[in-house]
Protein backbone atom coordinates (compact mmCIF):
# COMPACT_ATOMS: atom_id res chain seq x y z
CA MET A 1 106.03 109.93 84.16
CA ALA A 2 104.60 107.03 86.18
CA ASP A 3 102.69 104.35 84.32
CA PRO A 4 99.11 104.49 85.65
CA THR A 5 98.70 100.71 85.11
CA ARG A 6 101.66 99.83 87.37
CA LEU A 7 102.19 99.93 91.11
CA ASN A 8 104.66 102.53 92.32
CA PRO A 9 107.59 101.32 94.47
CA VAL A 10 105.96 102.83 97.56
CA ASP A 11 102.77 100.87 96.82
CA ARG A 12 104.72 97.62 96.85
CA TRP A 13 106.40 98.61 100.11
CA MET A 14 103.04 99.53 101.65
CA GLY A 15 101.64 96.20 100.50
CA PHE A 16 104.49 94.31 102.14
CA ALA A 17 104.08 96.30 105.37
CA ASN A 18 100.33 95.76 105.50
CA LEU A 19 100.82 92.03 104.98
CA ALA A 20 103.42 91.88 107.76
CA PHE A 21 101.26 93.89 110.16
CA LEU A 22 98.27 91.70 109.34
CA ALA A 23 100.32 88.59 110.13
CA SER A 24 101.49 90.08 113.44
CA TRP A 25 97.89 90.52 114.61
CA LEU A 26 96.65 87.08 113.56
CA PRO A 27 97.87 85.23 116.71
CA LEU A 28 95.80 87.63 118.84
CA THR A 29 92.54 87.24 116.92
CA PRO A 30 91.13 84.27 118.89
CA GLU A 31 91.05 86.37 122.06
CA SER A 32 90.63 89.92 120.79
CA SER A 33 87.96 91.54 118.65
CA LEU A 34 90.31 94.52 118.25
CA ALA A 35 92.91 92.26 116.65
CA ARG A 36 90.27 90.93 114.26
CA TRP A 37 89.31 94.45 113.25
CA LEU A 38 92.95 95.40 112.66
CA VAL A 39 93.44 92.34 110.48
CA LEU A 40 90.57 93.65 108.34
CA VAL A 41 92.08 97.15 108.31
CA HIS A 42 95.38 95.84 106.98
CA LEU A 43 93.58 93.66 104.48
CA ALA A 44 91.87 96.81 103.21
CA GLY A 45 95.28 98.52 103.13
CA LEU A 46 96.53 95.75 100.88
CA LEU A 47 93.73 96.49 98.43
CA VAL A 48 94.09 100.30 98.23
CA PRO A 49 96.86 100.46 95.58
CA TRP A 50 95.10 97.85 93.44
CA LEU A 51 91.81 99.72 93.64
CA LEU A 52 93.53 102.92 92.57
CA LEU A 53 94.73 101.14 89.45
CA ARG A 54 91.17 100.15 88.59
CA ARG A 55 90.06 103.74 88.06
CA THR A 56 88.76 104.53 84.58
CA ARG A 57 89.55 108.25 84.46
CA PRO A 58 92.79 110.16 85.00
CA LEU A 59 93.28 111.81 88.36
CA SER A 60 93.04 115.54 88.90
CA PRO A 61 96.22 117.30 90.12
CA PHE A 62 94.88 117.13 93.67
CA GLY A 63 93.92 113.49 93.24
CA SER A 64 97.35 112.71 91.86
CA ALA A 65 99.04 114.38 94.83
CA LEU A 66 96.75 112.47 97.22
CA HIS A 67 97.54 109.22 95.41
CA ASP A 68 101.27 109.86 95.76
CA GLY A 69 101.02 111.00 99.38
CA TYR A 70 98.53 108.52 100.86
CA PRO A 71 101.34 106.31 102.29
CA LEU A 72 102.28 109.11 104.68
CA LEU A 73 98.70 109.40 105.93
CA TRP A 74 98.46 105.64 106.32
CA THR A 75 101.80 105.48 108.12
CA ALA A 76 100.64 108.10 110.62
CA VAL A 77 97.63 105.89 111.43
CA PHE A 78 99.87 102.85 111.98
CA TRP A 79 101.58 104.54 114.93
CA ASN A 80 98.60 104.07 117.23
CA GLU A 81 98.61 100.30 116.76
CA PHE A 82 101.60 99.67 118.98
CA GLY A 83 100.04 101.16 122.08
CA LEU A 84 96.94 99.04 121.41
CA ARG A 85 99.13 95.95 121.08
CA HIS A 86 100.82 96.76 124.39
CA ASP A 87 97.43 97.15 126.05
CA LEU A 88 96.56 93.63 124.89
CA THR A 89 99.84 91.90 125.72
CA ALA A 90 101.24 94.13 128.53
CA THR A 91 104.71 92.56 128.41
CA ALA A 92 108.24 93.92 128.52
CA LEU A 93 110.07 90.69 127.73
CA ASN A 94 112.37 92.30 125.17
CA ASP A 95 113.58 95.19 127.34
CA PRO A 96 116.17 93.13 129.26
CA ILE A 97 117.54 91.91 125.92
CA VAL A 98 117.97 95.44 124.60
CA ALA A 99 119.43 96.63 127.91
CA GLY A 100 121.98 93.83 127.63
CA TRP A 101 122.89 94.90 124.09
CA ASP A 102 123.27 98.47 125.29
CA LEU A 103 125.61 97.42 128.07
CA ALA A 104 127.63 95.16 125.78
CA VAL A 105 128.10 97.78 123.05
CA PHE A 106 128.63 100.93 125.13
CA GLY A 107 130.02 99.53 128.38
CA GLY A 108 127.31 101.28 130.39
CA HIS A 109 123.88 102.81 130.05
CA TRP A 110 124.55 106.30 128.71
CA ASN A 111 120.96 107.33 129.28
CA VAL A 112 121.73 107.08 133.01
CA LEU A 113 125.43 107.97 133.06
CA TRP A 114 125.19 111.13 130.95
CA VAL A 115 122.42 112.87 132.84
CA SER A 116 123.98 111.81 136.15
CA ALA A 117 127.30 113.34 135.13
CA MET A 118 125.76 116.53 133.68
CA PRO A 119 122.48 117.32 135.49
CA TRP A 120 122.49 120.85 134.10
CA PRO A 121 119.15 122.58 133.50
CA GLY A 122 120.56 124.55 130.57
CA LEU A 123 121.81 121.41 128.79
CA SER A 124 118.56 119.66 129.60
CA GLU A 125 116.48 122.41 128.03
CA LEU A 126 118.71 122.52 124.94
CA LEU A 127 118.30 118.80 124.34
CA GLN A 128 114.64 118.74 125.36
CA GLY A 129 114.17 121.50 122.78
CA ALA A 130 116.02 119.44 120.18
CA TYR A 131 113.82 116.46 121.03
CA PHE A 132 110.73 118.63 120.56
CA SER A 133 112.06 119.98 117.24
CA TYR A 134 111.62 116.51 115.79
CA TYR A 135 107.85 117.01 115.87
CA LEU A 136 108.22 120.26 113.96
CA MET A 137 110.42 118.50 111.41
CA LEU A 138 107.89 115.67 111.16
CA ALA A 139 105.12 118.13 110.35
CA ALA A 140 106.93 120.71 108.25
CA ILE A 141 109.82 119.13 106.36
CA PRO A 142 107.86 116.57 104.31
CA VAL A 143 105.40 119.27 103.25
CA ALA A 144 108.17 121.73 102.41
CA LEU A 145 110.17 119.19 100.43
CA ILE A 146 107.17 117.75 98.58
CA ALA A 147 105.35 121.02 97.78
CA GLY A 148 105.88 122.18 94.24
CA ARG A 149 108.03 119.21 93.27
CA GLU A 150 107.52 117.34 90.05
CA PRO A 151 105.73 114.01 90.57
CA GLY A 152 108.84 111.82 90.29
CA ILE A 153 110.61 113.69 93.09
CA ARG A 154 107.44 113.78 95.18
CA ARG A 155 107.08 110.00 94.91
CA ASP A 156 110.73 109.49 95.80
CA ILE A 157 110.41 111.63 98.94
CA VAL A 158 107.25 109.81 100.02
CA LEU A 159 108.93 106.45 99.43
CA ARG A 160 111.98 107.42 101.48
CA ILE A 161 109.89 108.59 104.43
CA ALA A 162 107.56 105.59 104.31
CA ALA A 163 110.48 103.17 103.95
CA THR A 164 112.13 104.35 107.16
CA TYR A 165 109.05 104.63 109.33
CA LEU A 166 107.52 101.36 108.20
CA GLY A 167 110.91 99.71 108.66
CA CYS A 168 110.84 100.82 112.30
CA PHE A 169 107.20 99.82 112.64
CA LEU A 170 107.86 96.30 111.38
CA ILE A 171 110.42 95.86 114.15
CA TYR A 172 107.97 97.21 116.73
CA SER A 173 105.36 94.70 115.56
CA TYR A 174 107.53 91.67 116.19
CA PHE A 175 110.00 92.95 118.78
CA PRO A 176 108.25 95.52 121.01
CA VAL A 177 110.43 97.34 123.55
CA ILE A 178 109.00 99.73 126.13
CA GLY A 179 112.26 101.59 126.77
CA PRO A 180 114.02 103.09 129.77
CA ARG A 181 111.69 106.04 130.35
CA GLU A 182 108.84 103.82 131.46
CA LEU A 183 110.90 101.23 133.31
CA TRP A 184 113.81 103.17 134.85
CA PRO A 185 114.09 106.35 136.98
CA THR A 186 113.98 109.52 134.90
CA HIS A 187 114.92 113.17 135.31
CA GLN A 188 114.20 114.76 138.66
CA GLY A 189 114.31 118.16 140.33
CA ALA A 190 115.24 121.20 138.30
CA LEU A 191 115.56 119.15 135.09
CA THR A 192 111.80 118.64 135.08
CA GLU A 193 110.93 122.32 135.40
CA GLY A 194 111.94 123.53 131.94
CA LEU A 195 109.40 124.53 129.28
CA PHE A 196 110.46 121.95 126.71
CA TYR A 197 110.52 119.20 129.33
CA GLN A 198 106.90 120.02 130.14
CA ILE A 199 105.91 120.17 126.46
CA ASN A 200 107.51 116.81 125.70
CA ALA A 201 105.85 115.26 128.75
CA ALA A 202 102.46 116.55 127.58
CA LEU A 203 103.03 115.18 124.06
CA ARG A 204 103.95 111.77 125.45
CA SER A 205 100.80 111.72 127.54
CA ALA A 206 98.69 112.67 124.54
CA GLY A 207 100.04 110.34 121.89
CA ASP A 208 102.76 107.94 122.99
CA SER A 209 102.62 104.29 121.94
CA LEU A 210 104.39 101.87 124.25
CA GLY A 211 106.52 99.24 122.55
CA THR A 212 108.23 101.64 120.14
CA ALA A 213 111.58 102.25 121.82
CA PHE A 214 113.85 100.07 119.67
CA PRO A 215 114.88 101.48 117.25
CA SER A 216 114.42 105.17 117.99
CA SER A 217 112.00 106.55 115.40
CA HIS A 218 113.07 110.07 116.43
CA THR A 219 116.58 109.26 115.29
CA ALA A 220 115.57 107.25 112.22
CA GLY A 221 113.16 109.96 111.08
CA ALA A 222 115.62 112.80 111.65
CA VAL A 223 118.35 110.97 109.72
CA THR A 224 115.90 110.33 106.88
CA PHE A 225 114.86 113.98 106.70
CA ALA A 226 118.53 114.97 106.60
CA TRP A 227 119.15 112.43 103.82
CA ILE A 228 116.23 113.76 101.75
CA ALA A 229 117.29 117.36 102.38
CA TRP A 230 120.77 116.52 101.14
CA LEU A 231 119.22 115.23 97.91
CA TYR A 232 116.67 117.97 97.26
CA ALA A 233 117.09 121.02 99.53
CA PRO A 234 119.52 123.94 99.22
CA ARG A 235 122.86 123.02 100.75
CA ALA A 236 122.60 125.51 103.63
CA LEU A 237 119.21 124.08 104.65
CA ALA A 238 120.54 120.54 104.29
CA TRP A 239 123.41 121.32 106.69
CA LEU A 240 120.94 122.84 109.16
CA ILE A 241 118.68 119.77 109.10
CA ALA A 242 121.68 117.43 109.37
CA SER A 243 122.96 119.34 112.41
CA LEU A 244 119.53 119.20 113.98
CA ALA A 245 119.40 115.45 113.34
CA VAL A 246 122.63 115.03 115.33
CA LEU A 247 121.16 117.01 118.22
CA ILE A 248 117.96 114.96 118.13
CA ALA A 249 119.95 111.72 118.25
CA ALA A 250 121.87 112.98 121.29
CA ALA A 251 118.64 114.19 122.90
CA THR A 252 117.01 110.76 122.71
CA VAL A 253 119.67 109.48 125.12
CA TYR A 254 120.02 112.48 127.45
CA THR A 255 116.26 112.78 127.89
CA GLN A 256 116.23 109.08 128.86
CA ASN A 257 113.62 108.23 126.26
CA HIS A 258 115.99 105.68 124.76
CA PHE A 259 119.02 103.57 125.41
CA ALA A 260 122.00 104.56 123.28
CA ILE A 261 121.58 101.26 121.43
CA ASP A 262 118.08 102.39 120.40
CA THR A 263 119.58 105.53 118.91
CA LEU A 264 122.30 103.61 117.11
CA ALA A 265 119.67 101.23 115.76
CA GLY A 266 117.68 104.22 114.48
CA VAL A 267 120.70 105.42 112.50
CA VAL A 268 121.28 101.92 111.11
CA VAL A 269 117.64 101.43 110.09
CA ALA A 270 117.48 104.82 108.35
CA GLY A 271 120.77 104.24 106.55
CA PHE A 272 119.77 100.73 105.48
CA MET A 273 116.40 101.89 104.17
CA GLN A 274 117.81 104.84 102.26
CA ALA A 275 120.93 103.16 100.88
CA ILE A 276 119.64 99.61 100.29
CA VAL A 277 115.87 99.24 100.37
CA VAL A 278 114.87 102.36 98.42
CA PRO A 279 117.30 101.67 95.54
CA PHE A 280 116.15 98.04 95.49
CA LEU A 281 112.50 99.04 95.25
CA THR A 282 113.07 101.65 92.57
CA ALA A 283 115.42 99.49 90.46
CA ARG A 284 113.01 96.62 90.04
CA ARG A 285 110.54 96.48 87.16
CA PRO A 286 107.23 97.89 88.44
CA LEU A 287 104.58 95.26 89.07
CA THR A 288 101.81 95.41 86.48
CA LEU A 289 98.25 94.17 86.64
CA GLY A 290 97.89 93.91 82.87
CA LEU A 291 95.21 96.60 82.91
CA PRO A 292 94.59 98.81 79.92
CA PRO A 293 96.23 102.25 80.17
CA VAL A 294 94.20 105.02 81.76
CA PRO A 295 93.09 107.30 78.92
CA THR A 296 94.28 110.87 78.84
CA PRO A 297 91.63 113.63 78.59
CA GLY A 298 92.12 113.78 74.80
CA GLN A 299 91.53 110.03 74.54
CA LEU A 300 88.29 109.92 76.55
CA PRO A 301 85.26 108.96 74.47
CA LYS A 302 83.01 111.84 73.60
CA THR A 303 79.51 111.86 74.97
CA ALA A 304 76.51 113.04 73.04
């Protein structure tokens, strides 16, 4: 059982991320009121875990689940920041660097070569469908894996998801990359007529954030979900999610949303977070504020 007077590992990771995001906005504050507001938002984010520890009564089951899961809600809000940052800075200085890495590692830009070699509507729809399936995984898999789990497992799943996404987001904050879809020619003709192509295009128009191409969060997230499924899901389901993660990684390149190096970086970030960062966070002694323990219901003082 978690000690209610100590920060959970995910709280420490959220604190680090909020501090890093706050620092990334500081240089923009002299010229932008939006940047000043976001500095305050991240300052408030730094305080949330500490305020939760100041409570004087134990949490209800719903409150406990909300306490454990708030990092996922907060992470979802972070996503919109990168488009706002791009609107303020409007630069693509890092894209030539990443394109050079892609060329050096793979000997060519697979996001162009692959679709040029295989401009097949059927293959396009298959991989556009795989790309779209990521959004279903993003919505359904965390809920399915967390629901009904004992609190220790629930906190571990939340930590693993938050570790990967915030790891990607930290890179976006200091090394934004627009990606090939916005800067290079994309699919044409029959490849743009499929249902999943149209759905993905609509989703990008509704909620894309420029500056988030390197690493691929589609790939990093899919690998993380497969990792968690391998730990906690039935083996048949784990194989299914792992297979889907492979298809999603391939789709990020064929759909020209990413360079192949972005996809490789997504795999590396997810693997590093799951194999190195999460064990590091969970192995360390939890940070304590020296607060008195939260009383259990039987220990609460009786009122007249």
